[in-house]
């Protein structure tokens, strides 16, 4: 099973679900790089510090932190700062992955493609 399918299964376990569908796979592949998906499958909805995620992933801590920050900046995971520490957690498909990437701005070809895929997904479900 690839990281994108594993991530979809994790998202599907949330009450908001992420059903198996080609459109969901395409959306995840647009939003998550292969490295990010590989890290995200070791995360949960409960926030964890980067060091804890790094131990689960088994990769270089700086690389993991950079990818966590990239995902948080894209709005596909959340980050929170508490007492000087940053923790990261997954967000559900809806609300979360559906709208957060658009809150960072729009009008790019990627946003156009995502919008079309989300529209297709809603017509399929």
N, C-alpha and C. Protein backbone atom coordinates (compact mmCIF):
# COMPACT_ATOMS: atom_id res chain seq x y z
N UNK A 1 0.86 -1.18 0.00
CA UNK A 1 0.00 0.00 0.00
C UNK A 1 0.90 1.24 0.00
N UNK A 2 0.60 2.19 -0.87
CA UNK A 2 1.42 3.40 -0.93
C UNK A 2 1.01 4.39 0.16
N UNK A 3 1.86 5.39 0.35
CA UNK A 3 1.63 6.37 1.43
C UNK A 3 0.33 7.14 1.23
N UNK A 4 -0.04 7.43 -0.01
CA UNK A 4 -1.27 8.18 -0.25
C UNK A 4 -2.50 7.37 0.15
N UNK A 5 -2.50 6.08 -0.16
CA UNK A 5 -3.63 5.24 0.23
C UNK A 5 -3.67 5.07 1.75
N UNK A 6 -2.52 4.91 2.37
CA UNK A 6 -2.46 4.80 3.83
C UNK A 6 -2.97 6.10 4.47
N UNK A 7 -2.56 7.25 3.93
CA UNK A 7 -3.04 8.54 4.44
C UNK A 7 -4.55 8.65 4.27
N UNK A 8 -5.06 8.22 3.12
CA UNK A 8 -6.50 8.27 2.90
C UNK A 8 -7.22 7.40 3.94
N UNK A 9 -6.67 6.24 4.24
CA UNK A 9 -7.30 5.37 5.24
C UNK A 9 -7.31 6.03 6.63
N UNK A 10 -6.23 6.72 6.97
CA UNK A 10 -6.18 7.43 8.25
C UNK A 10 -7.24 8.52 8.27
N UNK A 11 -7.33 9.28 7.19
CA UNK A 11 -8.34 10.34 7.09
C UNK A 11 -9.75 9.75 7.09
N UNK A 12 -9.91 8.58 6.50
CA UNK A 12 -11.22 7.93 6.43
C UNK A 12 -11.70 7.46 7.80
N UNK A 13 -10.76 7.20 8.71
CA UNK A 13 -11.14 6.77 10.07
C UNK A 13 -11.76 7.90 10.88
N UNK A 14 -11.58 9.15 10.45
CA UNK A 14 -12.19 10.30 11.11
C UNK A 14 -13.69 10.31 10.77
N UNK A 15 -14.54 10.81 11.66
CA UNK A 15 -15.98 10.86 11.36
C UNK A 15 -16.32 11.58 10.05
N UNK A 16 -15.47 12.52 9.62
CA UNK A 16 -15.73 13.23 8.36
C UNK A 16 -15.45 12.34 7.15
N UNK A 17 -14.71 11.27 7.32
CA UNK A 17 -14.34 10.27 6.33
C UNK A 17 -13.53 10.84 5.15
N UNK A 18 -12.96 9.91 4.42
CA UNK A 18 -12.25 10.19 3.16
C UNK A 18 -12.38 8.92 2.34
N UNK A 19 -13.54 8.74 1.71
CA UNK A 19 -13.81 7.48 1.02
C UNK A 19 -12.82 7.21 -0.12
N UNK A 20 -12.66 5.94 -0.42
CA UNK A 20 -11.78 5.56 -1.52
C UNK A 20 -12.40 6.05 -2.82
N UNK A 21 -11.69 6.95 -3.47
CA UNK A 21 -12.15 7.52 -4.74
C UNK A 21 -10.94 8.08 -5.47
N UNK A 22 -10.96 7.97 -6.78
CA UNK A 22 -9.85 8.49 -7.59
C UNK A 22 -9.66 9.98 -7.35
N UNK A 23 -10.75 10.72 -7.17
CA UNK A 23 -10.61 12.17 -6.94
C UNK A 23 -9.89 12.45 -5.63
N UNK A 24 -10.17 11.69 -4.59
CA UNK A 24 -9.48 11.89 -3.30
C UNK A 24 -8.00 11.59 -3.47
N UNK A 25 -7.67 10.52 -4.18
CA UNK A 25 -6.27 10.19 -4.43
C UNK A 25 -5.57 11.34 -5.17
N UNK A 26 -6.21 11.88 -6.18
CA UNK A 26 -5.61 12.99 -6.93
C UNK A 26 -5.43 14.23 -6.05
N UNK A 27 -6.42 14.52 -5.22
CA UNK A 27 -6.32 15.68 -4.31
C UNK A 27 -5.14 15.51 -3.36
N UNK A 28 -5.02 14.33 -2.77
CA UNK A 28 -3.91 14.09 -1.84
C UNK A 28 -2.56 14.21 -2.56
N UNK A 29 -2.48 13.73 -3.79
CA UNK A 29 -1.22 13.80 -4.55
C UNK A 29 -0.87 15.23 -4.94
N UNK A 30 -1.86 16.07 -5.13
CA UNK A 30 -1.59 17.49 -5.42
C UNK A 30 -1.10 18.19 -4.17
N UNK A 31 -1.74 17.92 -3.04
CA UNK A 31 -1.44 18.66 -1.81
C UNK A 31 -0.22 18.16 -1.06
N UNK A 32 0.03 16.86 -1.07
CA UNK A 32 1.14 16.27 -0.32
C UNK A 32 2.20 15.77 -1.28
N UNK A 33 3.45 16.19 -1.08
CA UNK A 33 4.54 15.58 -1.83
C UNK A 33 4.68 14.14 -1.33
N UNK A 34 5.39 13.29 -2.08
CA UNK A 34 5.59 11.93 -1.57
C UNK A 34 6.25 11.90 -0.19
N UNK A 35 7.21 12.79 0.05
CA UNK A 35 7.86 12.84 1.36
C UNK A 35 6.88 13.26 2.44
N UNK A 36 6.05 14.26 2.14
CA UNK A 36 5.06 14.73 3.11
C UNK A 36 4.05 13.64 3.44
N UNK A 37 3.58 12.93 2.42
CA UNK A 37 2.63 11.84 2.66
C UNK A 37 3.27 10.77 3.53
N UNK A 38 4.55 10.48 3.28
CA UNK A 38 5.26 9.49 4.08
C UNK A 38 5.41 9.89 5.54
N UNK A 39 5.47 11.18 5.79
CA UNK A 39 5.53 11.68 7.17
C UNK A 39 4.13 11.71 7.78
N UNK A 40 3.16 12.18 7.01
CA UNK A 40 1.79 12.33 7.52
C UNK A 40 1.19 11.01 7.99
N UNK A 41 1.60 9.90 7.39
CA UNK A 41 1.03 8.61 7.82
C UNK A 41 1.49 8.20 9.21
N UNK A 42 2.46 8.91 9.76
CA UNK A 42 2.93 8.65 11.12
C UNK A 42 2.35 9.65 12.12
N UNK A 43 1.42 10.47 11.65
CA UNK A 43 0.82 11.50 12.50
C UNK A 43 -0.59 11.07 12.91
N UNK A 44 -1.17 11.84 13.82
CA UNK A 44 -2.54 11.60 14.24
C UNK A 44 -3.23 12.96 14.39
N UNK A 45 -4.49 12.91 14.77
CA UNK A 45 -5.22 14.16 14.99
C UNK A 45 -4.80 14.82 16.30
N UNK A 46 -4.19 14.05 17.18
CA UNK A 46 -3.66 14.60 18.43
C UNK A 46 -2.27 15.15 18.13
N UNK A 47 -2.04 16.44 18.41
CA UNK A 47 -0.75 17.04 18.06
C UNK A 47 0.43 16.40 18.79
N UNK A 48 1.53 16.28 18.04
CA UNK A 48 2.78 15.76 18.59
C UNK A 48 3.91 16.70 18.20
N UNK A 49 4.94 16.73 19.03
CA UNK A 49 6.12 17.53 18.71
C UNK A 49 6.88 16.89 17.56
N UNK A 50 7.64 17.72 16.85
CA UNK A 50 8.40 17.24 15.70
C UNK A 50 9.34 16.10 16.08
N UNK A 51 9.95 16.18 17.25
CA UNK A 51 10.88 15.12 17.67
C UNK A 51 10.18 13.77 17.78
N UNK A 52 8.96 13.76 18.29
CA UNK A 52 8.20 12.51 18.42
C UNK A 52 7.83 11.97 17.04
N UNK A 53 7.43 12.86 16.14
CA UNK A 53 7.09 12.43 14.78
C UNK A 53 8.34 11.90 14.08
N UNK A 54 9.47 12.59 14.28
CA UNK A 54 10.73 12.17 13.67
C UNK A 54 11.09 10.75 14.09
N UNK A 55 10.91 10.44 15.37
CA UNK A 55 11.22 9.08 15.85
C UNK A 55 10.35 8.04 15.15
N UNK A 56 9.08 8.36 14.94
CA UNK A 56 8.18 7.43 14.26
C UNK A 56 8.55 7.26 12.79
N UNK A 57 8.96 8.35 12.16
CA UNK A 57 9.28 8.33 10.73
C UNK A 57 10.65 7.68 10.49
N UNK A 58 11.60 7.96 11.37
CA UNK A 58 12.93 7.40 11.23
C UNK A 58 13.80 8.09 10.20
N UNK A 59 13.55 9.37 9.96
CA UNK A 59 14.35 10.15 9.01
C UNK A 59 15.04 11.29 9.74
N UNK A 60 15.84 12.05 9.00
CA UNK A 60 16.56 13.19 9.54
C UNK A 60 15.59 14.21 10.14
N UNK A 61 15.88 14.67 11.36
CA UNK A 61 14.96 15.57 12.07
C UNK A 61 14.76 16.89 11.32
N UNK A 62 15.82 17.47 10.76
CA UNK A 62 15.66 18.73 10.03
C UNK A 62 14.77 18.55 8.81
N UNK A 63 14.93 17.43 8.10
CA UNK A 63 14.09 17.16 6.94
C UNK A 63 12.63 17.00 7.36
N UNK A 64 12.40 16.29 8.45
CA UNK A 64 11.04 16.11 8.93
C UNK A 64 10.44 17.45 9.36
N UNK A 65 11.19 18.25 10.10
CA UNK A 65 10.69 19.57 10.53
C UNK A 65 10.36 20.44 9.33
N UNK A 66 11.24 20.45 8.32
CA UNK A 66 10.98 21.26 7.13
C UNK A 66 9.71 20.82 6.43
N UNK A 67 9.50 19.51 6.34
CA UNK A 67 8.28 19.01 5.71
C UNK A 67 7.05 19.30 6.56
N UNK A 68 7.16 19.22 7.87
CA UNK A 68 6.03 19.57 8.74
C UNK A 68 5.65 21.03 8.57
N UNK A 69 6.65 21.90 8.53
CA UNK A 69 6.37 23.33 8.33
C UNK A 69 5.76 23.58 6.96
N UNK A 70 6.25 22.89 5.94
CA UNK A 70 5.69 23.03 4.60
C UNK A 70 4.22 22.63 4.58
N UNK A 71 3.90 21.50 5.21
CA UNK A 71 2.51 21.05 5.25
C UNK A 71 1.64 22.02 6.05
N UNK A 72 2.15 22.53 7.16
CA UNK A 72 1.39 23.49 7.96
C UNK A 72 1.16 24.77 7.18
N UNK A 73 2.17 25.23 6.45
CA UNK A 73 2.03 26.44 5.64
C UNK A 73 1.01 26.26 4.52
N UNK A 74 0.88 25.06 4.02
CA UNK A 74 -0.11 24.78 2.97
C UNK A 74 -1.51 24.56 3.56
N UNK A 75 -1.61 24.42 4.88
CA UNK A 75 -2.91 24.22 5.52
C UNK A 75 -3.40 22.79 5.44
N UNK A 76 -2.49 21.83 5.21
CA UNK A 76 -2.93 20.43 5.11
C UNK A 76 -2.66 19.65 6.39
N UNK A 77 -1.97 20.26 7.34
CA UNK A 77 -1.89 19.81 8.73
C UNK A 77 -1.97 21.08 9.58
N UNK A 78 -2.11 20.94 10.89
CA UNK A 78 -2.09 22.14 11.72
C UNK A 78 -0.86 22.12 12.60
N UNK A 79 -0.48 23.31 13.01
CA UNK A 79 0.61 23.44 13.98
C UNK A 79 0.13 24.37 15.08
N UNK A 80 0.64 24.12 16.27
CA UNK A 80 0.32 25.02 17.38
C UNK A 80 1.57 25.19 18.22
N UNK A 81 1.73 26.39 18.68
CA UNK A 81 2.88 26.73 19.52
C UNK A 81 2.38 26.86 20.96
N UNK A 82 3.02 26.13 21.86
CA UNK A 82 2.65 26.18 23.28
C UNK A 82 3.92 26.09 24.10
N UNK A 83 4.11 27.08 24.95
CA UNK A 83 5.30 27.12 25.82
C UNK A 83 6.60 27.00 25.03
N UNK A 84 6.63 27.62 23.86
CA UNK A 84 7.84 27.61 23.04
C UNK A 84 8.03 26.37 22.18
N UNK A 85 7.18 25.37 22.35
CA UNK A 85 7.27 24.15 21.54
C UNK A 85 6.19 24.16 20.46
N UNK A 86 6.52 23.58 19.33
CA UNK A 86 5.55 23.47 18.24
C UNK A 86 5.13 22.01 18.13
N UNK A 87 3.83 21.81 18.03
CA UNK A 87 3.27 20.48 17.82
C UNK A 87 2.49 20.49 16.51
N UNK A 88 2.38 19.32 15.91
CA UNK A 88 1.74 19.18 14.60
C UNK A 88 0.72 18.06 14.65
N UNK A 89 -0.39 18.25 13.95
CA UNK A 89 -1.41 17.21 13.88
C UNK A 89 -2.12 17.22 12.55
N UNK A 90 -2.77 16.12 12.26
CA UNK A 90 -3.56 16.02 11.04
C UNK A 90 -4.83 16.84 11.16
N UNK A 91 -5.35 17.25 10.05
CA UNK A 91 -6.69 17.84 9.99
C UNK A 91 -7.55 16.89 9.16
N UNK A 92 -8.85 16.83 9.44
CA UNK A 92 -9.71 15.94 8.65
C UNK A 92 -9.85 16.47 7.22
N UNK A 93 -10.47 15.65 6.40
CA UNK A 93 -10.70 16.06 5.02
C UNK A 93 -11.61 17.29 4.99
N UNK A 94 -12.76 17.18 5.72
CA UNK A 94 -13.72 18.28 5.77
C UNK A 94 -14.23 18.38 7.20
N UNK A 95 -14.16 19.49 7.89
CA UNK A 95 -13.45 20.70 7.49
C UNK A 95 -11.95 20.51 7.71
N UNK A 96 -11.19 21.08 6.86
CA UNK A 96 -9.73 20.99 6.98
C UNK A 96 -9.07 21.04 5.63
N UNK A 97 -8.71 19.86 5.12
CA UNK A 97 -7.98 19.79 3.85
C UNK A 97 -8.80 20.41 2.73
N UNK A 98 -10.12 20.32 2.83
CA UNK A 98 -10.99 20.89 1.79
C UNK A 98 -10.80 22.40 1.65
N UNK A 99 -10.81 23.14 2.76
CA UNK A 99 -10.80 24.59 2.63
C UNK A 99 -9.51 25.28 3.03
N UNK A 100 -8.73 24.69 3.93
CA UNK A 100 -7.54 25.40 4.41
C UNK A 100 -6.57 25.78 3.31
N UNK A 101 -6.29 24.94 2.31
CA UNK A 101 -5.37 25.37 1.25
C UNK A 101 -5.86 26.60 0.48
N UNK A 102 -7.17 26.78 0.40
CA UNK A 102 -7.72 27.94 -0.30
C UNK A 102 -7.64 29.21 0.55
N UNK A 103 -7.55 29.06 1.86
CA UNK A 103 -7.46 30.23 2.74
C UNK A 103 -6.12 30.92 2.64
N UNK A 104 -5.14 30.23 2.10
CA UNK A 104 -3.80 30.80 1.94
C UNK A 104 -3.71 31.64 0.66
N UNK A 105 -4.77 31.71 -0.08
CA UNK A 105 -4.76 32.44 -1.35
C UNK A 105 -5.28 31.51 -2.43
N UNK A 106 -5.46 32.05 -3.59
CA UNK A 106 -6.00 31.23 -4.67
C UNK A 106 -5.62 31.80 -6.01
N UNK A 107 -6.30 31.33 -7.02
CA UNK A 107 -6.08 31.84 -8.35
C UNK A 107 -4.93 31.20 -9.10
N UNK A 108 -4.32 30.17 -8.52
CA UNK A 108 -3.23 29.49 -9.21
C UNK A 108 -3.79 28.30 -9.99
N UNK A 109 -3.05 27.79 -10.95
CA UNK A 109 -3.51 26.58 -11.64
C UNK A 109 -3.77 25.42 -10.68
N UNK A 110 -2.96 25.32 -9.61
CA UNK A 110 -3.18 24.26 -8.63
C UNK A 110 -4.54 24.44 -7.95
N UNK A 111 -4.88 25.66 -7.59
CA UNK A 111 -6.17 25.91 -6.95
C UNK A 111 -7.32 25.61 -7.92
N UNK A 112 -7.14 25.96 -9.19
CA UNK A 112 -8.16 25.65 -10.19
C UNK A 112 -8.37 24.14 -10.30
N UNK A 113 -7.26 23.39 -10.33
CA UNK A 113 -7.33 21.93 -10.43
C UNK A 113 -8.00 21.35 -9.18
N UNK A 114 -7.60 21.84 -8.00
CA UNK A 114 -8.22 21.36 -6.76
C UNK A 114 -9.72 21.65 -6.74
N UNK A 115 -10.09 22.86 -7.15
CA UNK A 115 -11.50 23.22 -7.17
C UNK A 115 -12.32 22.28 -8.04
N UNK A 116 -11.78 21.95 -9.20
CA UNK A 116 -12.46 21.03 -10.12
C UNK A 116 -12.55 19.64 -9.50
N UNK A 117 -11.47 19.17 -8.88
CA UNK A 117 -11.50 17.85 -8.25
C UNK A 117 -12.49 17.80 -7.09
N UNK A 118 -12.54 18.85 -6.27
CA UNK A 118 -13.51 18.86 -5.17
C UNK A 118 -14.94 18.86 -5.72
N UNK A 119 -15.17 19.62 -6.78
CA UNK A 119 -16.50 19.63 -7.40
C UNK A 119 -16.85 18.23 -7.91
N UNK A 120 -15.91 17.58 -8.59
CA UNK A 120 -16.14 16.21 -9.07
C UNK A 120 -16.43 15.27 -7.91
N UNK A 121 -15.66 15.40 -6.84
CA UNK A 121 -15.85 14.54 -5.68
C UNK A 121 -17.27 14.70 -5.10
N UNK A 122 -17.72 15.93 -4.97
CA UNK A 122 -19.05 16.16 -4.39
C UNK A 122 -20.16 15.63 -5.29
N UNK A 123 -19.94 15.64 -6.60
CA UNK A 123 -20.94 15.07 -7.50
C UNK A 123 -20.93 13.54 -7.45
N UNK A 124 -19.75 12.96 -7.15
CA UNK A 124 -19.63 11.51 -7.05
C UNK A 124 -20.25 10.97 -5.76
N UNK A 125 -20.17 11.76 -4.66
CA UNK A 125 -20.59 11.22 -3.37
C UNK A 125 -22.06 11.40 -3.10
